[in-house]
Amino acid sequence: MKRVFLAFVLWLGFSGAAFAMQDTEPSEAQGQNSAGVKILSDGFYKMSAEERGKALNDCDASHFYRGCDKIFSQEISQLIKKCDMGDGKYSAYQNLLSITDKRCFEKEGIENSLACGLYGEILLKTNRSSIALKPLTRACEVGKIWNFCLLSALTYFEYALDVDEVIKYMTMTRDLAYDKEHFNKIIKKLQDCKADKECNPAKLEFQ
């Protein structure tokens, strides 16, 4: 069952199987905040990659958004709370989508990759999965942010059942993870299923 797959993989992520996020020097972000709304928190570069990954989990894992202000600027954090991932104020939702959409494809800095991930995540949670994959995969491939690599794999599995793309992004997740064994098992099961003509990937279970 796909729901079993999703629950299992999300458990891996939020239980600490991976907190990897590409380190970026502050000099790479200079000039990126000069126009429009600032995306990153002032304390972003003071955190380790592991701390950033945990903050992203805390921002996404529940409706408390405890980690958002460690990653995103005060204005973006407030919009996230007001938007409530599409269940809150519509004006905040529209404003947040507009800001993150523009910043996502503007440059290839870490700020832009995080904007891509946030943009794709909101689209996904508001049932717009058909256009969520582009920003999510960009956040994964450009930003090397494991959270969004994992979400890309999950989205391909849940909404497209494209095993090749699931394996691709699950492999990228594995490569960024600290504990790779969990993801190796998932990838192997997907590869074995792909090689078996009688295997229905929608019925895979990962327990």
Protein backbone atom coordinates (compact mmCIF):
# COMPACT_ATOMS: atom_id res chain seq x y z
CA MET A 1 0.00 0.00 0.00
CA LYS A 2 1.29 3.43 -0.88
CA ARG A 3 0.11 4.82 2.47
CA VAL A 4 2.26 2.24 4.27
CA PHE A 5 5.22 3.31 2.19
CA LEU A 6 4.63 6.97 2.99
CA ALA A 7 4.24 6.37 6.70
CA PHE A 8 7.38 4.24 6.83
CA VAL A 9 9.59 6.68 4.94
CA LEU A 10 8.32 9.69 6.84
CA TRP A 11 9.03 7.83 10.07
CA LEU A 12 12.60 7.31 8.90
CA GLY A 13 13.02 10.97 8.15
CA PHE A 14 11.52 12.39 11.31
CA SER A 15 13.11 9.80 13.61
CA GLY A 16 16.56 11.08 12.72
CA ALA A 17 17.62 8.77 9.91
CA ALA A 18 18.80 11.81 7.97
CA PHE A 19 19.44 15.43 8.77
CA ALA A 20 21.86 16.27 5.98
CA MET A 21 21.78 19.61 4.26
CA GLN A 22 24.45 21.12 2.07
CA ASP A 23 26.62 23.63 3.90
CA THR A 24 26.85 26.97 2.15
CA GLU A 25 29.21 29.76 2.96
CA PRO A 26 27.65 33.15 3.83
CA SER A 27 29.45 34.77 0.90
CA GLU A 28 27.28 32.77 -1.52
CA ALA A 29 24.18 34.48 -0.21
CA GLN A 30 25.45 38.05 -0.36
CA GLY A 31 23.24 40.21 -2.53
CA GLN A 32 20.40 37.70 -2.63
CA ASN A 33 18.34 39.57 -0.05
CA SER A 34 18.76 43.03 -1.55
CA ALA A 35 15.44 43.00 -3.41
CA GLY A 36 12.04 42.08 -2.11
CA VAL A 37 11.33 40.02 0.98
CA LYS A 38 14.24 38.41 2.80
CA ILE A 39 13.94 34.63 2.86
CA LEU A 40 16.60 33.49 5.32
CA SER A 41 16.80 34.05 9.07
CA ASP A 42 19.73 36.14 10.27
CA GLY A 43 20.88 33.14 12.27
CA PHE A 44 20.76 30.67 9.39
CA TYR A 45 24.52 30.47 8.87
CA LYS A 46 25.20 30.14 12.60
CA MET A 47 23.62 26.69 12.61
CA SER A 48 25.26 23.44 11.59
CA ALA A 49 23.86 21.43 8.67
CA GLU A 50 22.32 19.00 11.16
CA GLU A 51 20.63 21.83 13.08
CA ARG A 52 19.23 23.26 9.86
CA GLY A 53 17.83 19.89 8.85
CA LYS A 54 16.18 19.44 12.24
CA ALA A 55 14.71 22.95 12.04
CA LEU A 56 13.22 22.12 8.64
CA ASN A 57 11.65 19.00 10.13
CA ASP A 58 10.25 20.95 13.05
CA CYS A 59 8.83 23.52 10.64
CA ASP A 60 7.08 20.85 8.58
CA ALA A 61 6.32 17.96 10.91
CA SER A 62 3.41 19.58 12.71
CA HIS A 63 1.25 22.66 12.73
CA PHE A 64 3.36 24.21 15.48
CA TYR A 65 6.05 25.38 13.00
CA ARG A 66 8.61 25.43 15.79
CA GLY A 67 11.63 25.52 13.52
CA CYS A 68 10.53 27.96 10.84
CA ASP A 69 11.99 31.04 12.51
CA LYS A 70 15.40 29.35 12.64
CA ILE A 71 15.41 28.85 8.87
CA PHE A 72 13.25 31.64 7.46
CA SER A 73 13.05 35.38 8.09
CA GLN A 74 10.46 36.73 10.50
CA GLU A 75 8.20 37.86 7.65
CA ILE A 76 8.29 34.48 5.90
CA SER A 77 7.80 32.63 9.20
CA GLN A 78 4.72 34.72 9.99
CA LEU A 79 3.30 34.06 6.53
CA ILE A 80 3.83 30.31 7.01
CA LYS A 81 1.92 30.43 10.28
CA LYS A 82 -0.90 32.55 8.86
CA CYS A 83 -1.09 30.44 5.71
CA ASP A 84 -1.14 27.22 7.77
CA MET A 85 -0.02 25.34 4.64
CA GLY A 86 -3.17 26.41 2.79
CA ASP A 87 -5.66 25.96 5.64
CA GLY A 88 -5.32 29.47 7.05
CA LYS A 89 -5.62 32.96 5.67
CA TYR A 90 -6.00 32.92 1.90
CA SER A 91 -4.21 36.26 1.48
CA ALA A 92 -1.18 34.93 3.38
CA TYR A 93 -1.24 31.76 1.27
CA GLN A 94 -1.28 33.75 -1.96
CA ASN A 95 1.45 36.10 -0.75
CA LEU A 96 3.69 33.24 0.32
CA LEU A 97 3.21 31.42 -2.98
CA SER A 98 4.03 34.57 -4.92
CA ILE A 99 7.23 35.26 -2.97
CA THR A 100 8.54 31.70 -3.02
CA ASP A 101 7.65 31.14 -6.67
CA LYS A 102 9.67 34.19 -7.72
CA ARG A 103 12.65 33.39 -5.49
CA CYS A 104 12.73 29.72 -6.41
CA PHE A 105 13.90 30.20 -9.99
CA GLU A 106 15.72 33.52 -9.52
CA LYS A 107 19.17 32.13 -8.66
CA GLU A 108 20.82 28.92 -7.47
CA GLY A 109 21.68 29.97 -3.91
CA ILE A 110 20.60 28.12 -0.78
CA GLU A 111 17.99 30.81 -0.13
CA ASN A 112 16.42 30.10 -3.48
CA SER A 113 16.50 26.34 -2.96
CA LEU A 114 14.70 26.74 0.36
CA ALA A 115 12.14 28.97 -1.35
CA CYS A 116 11.68 26.22 -3.96
CA GLY A 117 11.12 23.61 -1.29
CA LEU A 118 8.64 25.74 0.61
CA TYR A 119 6.80 26.61 -2.60
CA GLY A 120 6.56 22.96 -3.66
CA GLU A 121 5.53 21.81 -0.21
CA ILE A 122 2.64 24.28 -0.05
CA LEU A 123 1.50 23.29 -3.54
CA LEU A 124 1.62 19.64 -2.54
CA LYS A 125 -0.37 20.17 0.64
CA THR A 126 -3.01 22.13 -1.26
CA ASN A 127 -3.52 19.30 -3.77
CA ARG A 128 -1.56 20.86 -6.63
CA SER A 129 0.89 17.98 -6.97
CA SER A 130 1.14 18.27 -10.76
CA ILE A 131 3.08 21.53 -10.44
CA ALA A 132 4.75 20.82 -7.09
CA LEU A 133 7.39 18.46 -8.46
CA LYS A 134 9.34 21.07 -10.43
CA PRO A 135 10.22 23.26 -7.42
CA LEU A 136 10.67 20.25 -5.13
CA THR A 137 13.15 18.53 -7.45
CA ARG A 138 14.99 21.81 -7.96
CA ALA A 139 15.33 22.20 -4.19
CA CYS A 140 16.75 18.68 -4.08
CA GLU A 141 19.08 18.83 -7.07
CA VAL A 142 20.36 22.40 -6.66
CA GLY A 143 20.16 22.85 -2.90
CA LYS A 144 21.09 19.27 -1.95
CA ILE A 145 18.50 19.41 0.83
CA TRP A 146 17.58 15.88 1.89
CA ASN A 147 14.10 16.83 3.09
CA PHE A 148 13.07 17.88 -0.39
CA CYS A 149 14.81 14.95 -2.07
CA LEU A 150 12.72 12.67 0.14
CA LEU A 151 9.56 14.65 -0.57
CA SER A 152 10.30 14.44 -4.31
CA ALA A 153 10.59 10.65 -4.06
CA LEU A 154 7.38 10.41 -2.05
CA THR A 155 5.52 12.61 -4.50
CA TYR A 156 6.62 10.56 -7.50
CA PHE A 157 5.52 7.41 -5.70
CA GLU A 158 2.21 8.68 -4.38
CA TYR A 159 0.98 10.63 -7.39
CA ALA A 160 2.76 9.16 -10.41
CA LEU A 161 3.98 5.72 -9.30
CA ASP A 162 7.09 6.35 -11.37
CA VAL A 163 9.50 3.82 -9.89
CA ASP A 164 12.51 5.12 -11.84
CA GLU A 165 12.03 8.64 -10.46
CA VAL A 166 11.32 7.29 -6.97
CA ILE A 167 14.61 5.37 -7.04
CA LYS A 168 16.46 8.42 -8.38
CA TYR A 169 15.33 10.76 -5.63
CA MET A 170 15.44 8.13 -2.91
CA THR A 171 19.07 7.53 -3.92
CA MET A 172 19.78 11.25 -3.65
CA THR A 173 18.13 11.20 -0.22
CA ARG A 174 20.30 8.24 0.80
CA ASP A 175 23.45 9.99 -0.39
CA LEU A 176 22.66 13.01 1.79
CA ALA A 177 21.62 10.97 4.83
CA TYR A 178 23.79 10.16 7.82
CA ASP A 179 22.20 6.74 8.32
CA LYS A 180 22.13 5.29 4.81
CA GLU A 181 21.09 1.72 5.64
CA HIS A 182 17.38 2.50 5.98
CA PHE A 183 17.28 4.06 2.54
CA ASN A 184 19.40 1.29 1.02
CA LYS A 185 16.71 -1.20 2.04
CA ILE A 186 13.98 0.89 0.45
CA ILE A 187 15.95 1.36 -2.76
CA LYS A 188 16.71 -2.37 -3.02
CA LYS A 189 13.06 -3.29 -2.59
CA LEU A 190 12.09 -0.80 -5.30
CA GLN A 191 14.80 -2.11 -7.64
CA ASP A 192 13.77 -5.72 -7.05
CA CYS A 193 10.17 -4.84 -7.81
CA LYS A 194 11.16 -3.02 -10.99
CA ALA A 195 13.04 -6.14 -12.15
CA ASP A 196 10.02 -8.37 -11.51
CA LYS A 197 7.37 -8.05 -14.21
CA GLU A 198 4.73 -9.43 -11.85
CA CYS A 199 5.52 -6.98 -9.03
CA ASN A 200 2.99 -4.20 -8.50
CA PRO A 201 4.90 -1.32 -6.86
CA ALA A 202 1.67 0.10 -5.44
CA LYS A 203 1.46 -2.95 -3.17
CA LEU A 204 4.96 -2.69 -1.76
CA GLU A 205 5.23 -2.60 2.01
CA PHE A 206 8.22 -1.36 3.97
CA GLN A 207 7.93 -2.65 7.52
